[in-house]
Amino acid sequence: MSARGTLAALDQIVASARAHLEAVPDDRMEWRPHEKSWTMGALASHVANLPNWTAATLQLPELDVSPVGGPPPQQPQYDSSAALVEALDANAAAARAVIESTPDEEFGKPWSLVVAGETRFTLPKAVVIRTFILDHMIHHRAQLGVYLRLLDVPVPQSLGPTADFPEM
């Protein structure tokens, strides 16, 4: 995938994620559908923060998410829908700037996810952007849609109509 294709995908996915984050009720940030599930606030914060992985992917050859002897990278948590949307917008703008400034040949270079010094996978950076960041956002945005449905909050459109917003 080229930088241009990556930007188009990022814009579409972020727009849908933004609509879902706008729907998150501020008074339900601590709610979770099951004891093993993330709270709504943690899940929504993760969605807002996922574009941050773009710089680490395009500017580094690897990232250790649980370095031996050190803390894992910390992701901010947000306590309101407005803060979530503001963070997503800022993180997406930063991701967009990194993608725009990265030569196309960089997208073909290998990148590794490392956990406690152990390489879990190595893939071309373009594949990491598509799967580990963009598809990851889609996955958690869908989870957030289920959380909203369980709380009787209207679920925004993603890739087409929803029961709450049937008109395209």
Protein backbone atom coordinates (compact mmCIF):
# COMPACT_ATOMS: atom_id res chain seq x y z
CA MET A 1 0.00 0.00 0.00
CA SER A 2 1.35 3.43 -0.89
CA ALA A 3 1.32 6.47 1.35
CA ARG A 4 -1.66 7.81 -0.65
CA GLY A 5 -3.65 4.60 -0.14
CA THR A 6 -2.72 4.51 3.52
CA LEU A 7 -3.92 8.08 4.01
CA ALA A 8 -7.27 7.35 2.36
CA ALA A 9 -7.79 4.32 4.61
CA LEU A 10 -6.70 6.27 7.70
CA ASP A 11 -9.14 9.09 6.96
CA GLN A 12 -12.10 6.73 6.48
CA ILE A 13 -11.35 4.66 9.60
CA VAL A 14 -10.70 7.71 11.78
CA ALA A 15 -13.97 9.36 10.68
CA SER A 16 -15.92 6.30 11.77
CA ALA A 17 -13.96 5.94 15.01
CA ARG A 18 -14.60 9.62 15.72
CA ALA A 19 -18.37 9.12 15.40
CA HIS A 20 -18.20 6.21 17.84
CA LEU A 21 -16.11 8.20 20.34
CA GLU A 22 -18.57 11.10 20.10
CA ALA A 23 -21.31 8.66 21.16
CA VAL A 24 -19.53 7.47 24.32
CA PRO A 25 -21.51 8.64 27.35
CA ASP A 26 -19.27 10.50 29.81
CA ASP A 27 -21.06 8.96 32.78
CA ARG A 28 -20.39 5.36 31.62
CA MET A 29 -16.58 5.41 31.29
CA GLU A 30 -16.20 2.81 34.07
CA TRP A 31 -18.88 0.49 32.67
CA ARG A 32 -17.84 -2.89 31.27
CA PRO A 33 -20.03 -5.65 29.81
CA HIS A 34 -18.12 -8.40 31.63
CA GLU A 35 -15.55 -8.56 34.40
CA LYS A 36 -12.88 -9.66 31.88
CA SER A 37 -13.71 -6.82 29.47
CA TRP A 38 -12.09 -3.42 29.35
CA THR A 39 -14.05 -0.52 30.76
CA MET A 40 -15.68 1.65 28.13
CA GLY A 41 -13.19 4.42 28.94
CA ALA A 42 -10.19 2.12 28.51
CA LEU A 43 -11.52 0.70 25.23
CA ALA A 44 -12.40 4.13 23.85
CA SER A 45 -9.00 5.51 24.95
CA HIS A 46 -7.31 2.64 23.12
CA VAL A 47 -9.20 3.52 19.93
CA ALA A 48 -8.20 7.18 20.31
CA ASN A 49 -4.54 6.25 20.87
CA LEU A 50 -4.05 3.64 18.14
CA PRO A 51 -2.91 6.16 15.50
CA ASN A 52 0.10 6.82 17.78
CA TRP A 53 1.62 3.53 16.64
CA THR A 54 2.15 5.02 13.18
CA ALA A 55 5.28 6.98 14.10
CA ALA A 56 6.80 4.01 15.93
CA THR A 57 6.10 1.82 12.92
CA LEU A 58 7.45 4.12 10.23
CA GLN A 59 10.37 5.63 12.17
CA LEU A 60 11.71 2.59 14.05
CA PRO A 61 12.71 -0.93 12.97
CA GLU A 62 10.99 -2.51 16.00
CA LEU A 63 9.06 -1.76 19.17
CA ASP A 64 9.28 -3.67 22.44
CA VAL A 65 5.90 -3.26 24.13
CA SER A 66 7.11 -4.87 27.35
CA PRO A 67 10.84 -4.19 27.65
CA VAL A 68 12.77 -6.29 30.15
CA GLY A 69 13.59 -4.12 33.16
CA GLY A 70 11.49 -1.21 31.96
CA PRO A 71 7.89 -0.12 31.83
CA PRO A 72 5.75 -0.72 28.77
CA PRO A 73 4.81 2.32 26.72
CA GLN A 74 2.03 4.17 28.50
CA GLN A 75 -1.08 5.29 26.68
CA PRO A 76 -3.15 8.17 28.07
CA GLN A 77 -6.65 7.50 29.36
CA TYR A 78 -9.43 10.02 28.74
CA ASP A 79 -12.44 10.74 30.91
CA SER A 80 -14.89 12.31 28.49
CA SER A 81 -16.15 11.93 24.96
CA ALA A 82 -14.79 15.39 24.13
CA ALA A 83 -11.31 14.43 25.39
CA LEU A 84 -11.45 11.18 23.39
CA VAL A 85 -12.35 13.00 20.18
CA GLU A 86 -9.70 15.66 20.77
CA ALA A 87 -7.06 12.96 21.33
CA LEU A 88 -8.13 10.97 18.26
CA ASP A 89 -8.03 14.09 16.09
CA ALA A 90 -4.55 15.04 17.35
CA ASN A 91 -3.21 11.49 17.07
CA ALA A 92 -4.66 11.03 13.58
CA ALA A 93 -3.18 14.37 12.46
CA ALA A 94 0.23 13.29 13.76
CA ALA A 95 -0.12 9.90 12.03
CA ARG A 96 -1.12 11.62 8.80
CA ALA A 97 1.93 13.92 8.99
CA VAL A 98 4.29 10.96 9.53
CA ILE A 99 2.75 9.03 6.62
CA GLU A 100 2.95 12.08 4.34
CA SER A 101 6.62 12.64 5.19
CA THR A 102 7.66 9.00 4.79
CA PRO A 103 9.09 7.92 1.43
CA ASP A 104 7.15 5.08 -0.22
CA GLU A 105 10.19 2.77 -0.07
CA GLU A 106 10.11 2.92 3.75
CA PHE A 107 6.72 1.19 3.71
CA GLY A 108 8.36 -1.96 2.31
CA LYS A 109 11.01 -2.22 5.03
CA PRO A 110 10.62 -4.78 7.83
CA TRP A 111 9.26 -3.89 11.26
CA SER A 112 9.12 -6.14 14.32
CA LEU A 113 6.87 -6.28 17.33
CA VAL A 114 8.91 -7.36 20.33
CA VAL A 115 7.62 -8.47 23.73
CA ALA A 116 10.13 -8.73 26.58
CA GLY A 117 12.97 -9.04 24.09
CA GLU A 118 11.25 -11.76 22.03
CA THR A 119 10.26 -10.96 18.46
CA ARG A 120 6.61 -11.87 17.96
CA PHE A 121 6.42 -10.97 14.28
CA THR A 122 8.25 -9.15 11.53
CA LEU A 123 6.31 -7.74 8.59
CA PRO A 124 6.71 -4.98 6.02
CA LYS A 125 5.80 -1.63 7.54
CA ALA A 126 2.89 -1.19 5.10
CA VAL A 127 1.36 -4.44 6.35
CA VAL A 128 1.86 -3.37 9.97
CA ILE A 129 0.12 -0.06 9.29
CA ARG A 130 -2.80 -1.85 7.59
CA THR A 131 -3.24 -4.68 10.10
CA PHE A 132 -1.75 -3.67 13.41
CA ILE A 133 -3.02 -0.09 13.33
CA LEU A 134 -5.91 0.38 10.89
CA ASP A 135 -7.53 -3.06 11.19
CA HIS A 136 -6.89 -2.92 14.92
CA MET A 137 -8.86 0.35 15.06
CA ILE A 138 -11.70 -1.24 13.10
CA HIS A 139 -11.75 -4.20 15.49
CA HIS A 140 -11.95 -2.08 18.64
CA ARG A 141 -14.36 0.41 17.05
CA ALA A 142 -16.69 -2.56 16.47
CA GLN A 143 -16.28 -3.61 20.10
CA LEU A 144 -17.16 -0.08 21.12
CA GLY A 145 -20.29 -0.33 18.96
CA VAL A 146 -21.36 -3.40 20.94
CA TYR A 147 -20.75 -1.55 24.21
CA LEU A 148 -22.92 1.31 22.95
CA ARG A 149 -25.68 -1.09 21.86
CA LEU A 150 -25.67 -2.80 25.28
CA LEU A 151 -26.17 0.61 26.91
CA ASP A 152 -28.97 1.56 24.48
CA VAL A 153 -26.84 4.34 23.00
CA PRO A 154 -27.48 4.81 19.27
CA VAL A 155 -24.69 3.15 17.29
CA PRO A 156 -23.21 5.38 14.57
CA GLN A 157 -22.67 4.20 11.02
CA SER A 158 -19.31 2.66 10.16
CA LEU A 159 -19.35 1.06 6.74
CA GLY A 160 -23.04 1.44 6.16
CA PRO A 161 -26.38 1.89 7.90
CA THR A 162 -27.04 0.79 11.46
CA ALA A 163 -30.38 0.08 13.10
CA ASP A 164 -30.14 3.54 14.68
CA PHE A 165 -29.04 5.36 11.52
CA PRO A 166 -30.54 3.44 8.58
CA GLU A 167 -30.16 6.24 6.03
CA MET A 168 -26.85 6.46 4.23
